C-alpha atoms as a PDB file:
ATOM      1  CA  MET A   1       9.636  -3.674  23.971  1.00  0.00           C
ATOM      2  CA  SER A   2       8.413  -0.068  22.449  1.00  0.00           C
ATOM      3  CA  SER A   3      11.544   0.355  20.748  1.00  0.00           C
ATOM      4  CA  PHE A   4      11.475  -2.932  19.106  1.00  0.00           C
ATOM      5  CA  PHE A   5       7.710  -1.920  17.571  1.00  0.00           C
ATOM      6  CA  SER A   6       9.120   1.361  16.714  1.00  0.00           C
ATOM      7  CA  LYS A   7      12.077  -0.194  14.911  1.00  0.00           C
ATOM      8  CA  LEU A   8       9.760  -2.746  13.028  1.00  0.00           C
ATOM      9  CA  ARG A   9       7.628   0.047  12.370  1.00  0.00           C
ATOM     10  CA  GLY A  10      10.307   1.688  10.512  1.00  0.00           C
ATOM     11  CA  GLN A  11      11.627  -1.168   8.650  1.00  0.00           C
ATOM     12  CA  ALA A  12       8.108  -1.757   7.619  1.00  0.00           C
ATOM     13  CA  GLN A  13       7.703   2.255   6.620  1.00  0.00           C
ATOM     14  CA  LYS A  14      11.003   1.778   4.895  1.00  0.00           C
ATOM     15  CA  ALA A  15       9.828  -1.708   2.920  1.00  0.00           C
ATOM     16  CA  VAL A  16       6.358   0.697   1.874  1.00  0.00           C
ATOM     17  CA  ASP A  17       8.782   3.595   0.770  1.00  0.00           C
ATOM     18  CA  GLN A  18      11.110   1.424  -1.558  1.00  0.00           C
ATOM     19  CA  HIS A  19       8.554  -1.146  -2.959  1.00  0.00           C
ATOM     20  CA  GLY A  20       4.956   0.499  -3.088  1.00  0.00           C
ATOM     21  CA  ASP A  21       4.360  -0.070  -6.330  1.00  0.00           C
ATOM     22  CA  LYS A  22       5.496  -3.969  -6.015  1.00  0.00           C
ATOM     23  CA  ILE A  23       3.229  -4.618  -3.098  1.00  0.00           C
ATOM     24  CA  ALA A  24       0.616  -3.035  -5.023  1.00  0.00           C
ATOM     25  CA  LYS A  25       0.873  -4.865  -7.690  1.00  0.00           C
ATOM     26  CA  GLY A  26       0.985  -8.226  -5.632  1.00  0.00           C
ATOM     27  CA  LEU A  27      -2.514  -6.827  -3.935  1.00  0.00           C
ATOM     28  CA  ASP A  28      -3.898  -7.106  -7.265  1.00  0.00           C
ATOM     29  CA  GLN A  29      -2.558 -10.300  -8.131  1.00  0.00           C
ATOM     30  CA  ALA A  30      -4.263 -11.725  -4.941  1.00  0.00           C
ATOM     31  CA  ALA A  31      -7.280 -10.259  -5.163  1.00  0.00           C
ATOM     32  CA  ALA A  32      -7.405 -12.001  -8.976  1.00  0.00           C
ATOM     33  CA  GLN A  33      -5.858 -15.259  -7.722  1.00  0.00           C
ATOM     34  CA  ALA A  34      -8.806 -14.999  -4.786  1.00  0.00           C
ATOM     35  CA  ASP A  35     -11.295 -14.299  -7.193  1.00  0.00           C
ATOM     36  CA  LYS A  36     -10.475 -16.944  -9.668  1.00  0.00           C
ATOM     37  CA  ARG A  37     -10.227 -19.796  -6.696  1.00  0.00           C
ATOM     38  CA  THR A  38     -13.650 -18.926  -5.869  1.00  0.00           C
ATOM     39  CA  LYS A  39     -15.340 -18.439  -8.805  1.00  0.00           C
ATOM     40  CA  GLY A  40     -16.674 -14.799  -8.518  1.00  0.00           C
ATOM     41  CA  LYS A  41     -18.712 -16.275  -5.659  1.00  0.00           C
ATOM     42  CA  TYR A  42     -16.846 -13.637  -3.592  1.00  0.00           C
ATOM     43  CA  SER A  43     -16.211 -10.442  -6.207  1.00  0.00           C
ATOM     44  CA  ASP A  44     -17.844  -7.980  -4.192  1.00  0.00           C
ATOM     45  CA  LYS A  45     -15.837  -8.647  -1.003  1.00  0.00           C
ATOM     46  CA  ILE A  46     -12.316  -9.354  -2.623  1.00  0.00           C
ATOM     47  CA  ALA A  47     -12.876  -5.998  -4.568  1.00  0.00           C
ATOM     48  CA  LYS A  48     -13.878  -4.477  -1.486  1.00  0.00           C
ATOM     49  CA  GLY A  49     -10.873  -5.813   0.950  1.00  0.00           C
ATOM     50  CA  ARG A  50      -8.399  -4.580  -2.034  1.00  0.00           C
ATOM     51  CA  LEU A  51      -9.423  -1.250  -2.368  1.00  0.00           C
ATOM     52  CA  LYS A  52      -9.161  -1.020   1.644  1.00  0.00           C
ATOM     53  CA  ALA A  53      -5.811  -2.678   1.560  1.00  0.00           C
ATOM     54  CA  GLN A  54      -4.519  -0.235  -1.653  1.00  0.00           C
ATOM     55  CA  GLU A  55      -5.981   2.764   0.723  1.00  0.00           C
ATOM     56  CA  GLU A  56      -4.191   1.966   3.329  1.00  0.00           C
ATOM     57  CA  LEU A  57      -0.472   1.502   1.304  1.00  0.00           C
ATOM     58  CA  ALA A  58      -0.921   4.603  -0.058  1.00  0.00           C
ATOM     59  CA  LYS A  59      -1.758   6.413   3.335  1.00  0.00           C
ATOM     60  CA  ARG A  60       1.631   4.325   4.604  1.00  0.00           C
ATOM     61  CA  LYS A  61       3.586   5.258   1.242  1.00  0.00           C
ATOM     62  CA  SER A  62       2.895   8.935   2.273  1.00  0.00           C
ATOM     63  CA  GLY A  63       4.551   8.557   5.242  1.00  0.00           C
ATOM     64  CA  PRO A  64       3.898  10.536   8.230  1.00  0.00           C
ATOM     65  CA  GLY A  65       4.455  14.413   6.566  1.00  0.00           C
ATOM     66  CA  GLY A  66       1.427  13.757   4.367  1.00  0.00           C
ATOM     67  CA  PRO A  67       1.242  12.852   0.299  1.00  0.00           C
ATOM     68  CA  GLN A  68       4.926  12.932  -1.341  1.00  0.00           C
ATOM     69  CA  GLY A  69       5.419  14.596  -4.757  1.00  0.00           C
ATOM     70  CA  PRO A  70       7.246  12.870  -7.269  1.00  0.00           C
ATOM     71  CA  TYR A  71      10.195  14.215  -6.410  1.00  0.00           C
ATOM     72  CA  GLY A  72       9.798  12.964  -2.627  1.00  0.00           C
ATOM     73  CA  GLY A  73       8.605  16.475  -1.531  1.00  0.00           C
ATOM     74  CA  PRO A  74       5.183  17.693  -0.268  1.00  0.00           C
ATOM     75  CA  GLY A  75       2.481  16.532  -2.685  1.00  0.00           C
ATOM     76  CA  GLY A  76       1.642  18.667  -5.783  1.00  0.00           C
ATOM     77  CA  ALA A  77       2.317  19.439  -8.885  1.00  0.00           C
ATOM     78  CA  PRO A  78       5.750  18.238 -10.029  1.00  0.00           C
ATOM     79  CA  ARG A  79       8.650  20.311 -10.282  1.00  0.00           C
ATOM     80  CA  PRO A  80       9.120  21.647 -14.022  1.00  0.00           C
END
């Protein structure tokens, strides 16, 4: 069973790495739509949830080795 979850986790990580920007855009759109449909009644809660989801996405996008830079290496200043 754990190999199934390991495989699933690997596939999810690959999807985040390949489509993280699209996922982030979808989070923004979903939050805007939820806020619109609730007529702003839960704006603070929606914003807080969106922020938490984006933070988690950023962690997942960076992978197990820490944040990645623009060239896939460790984070920090881009190569010249």
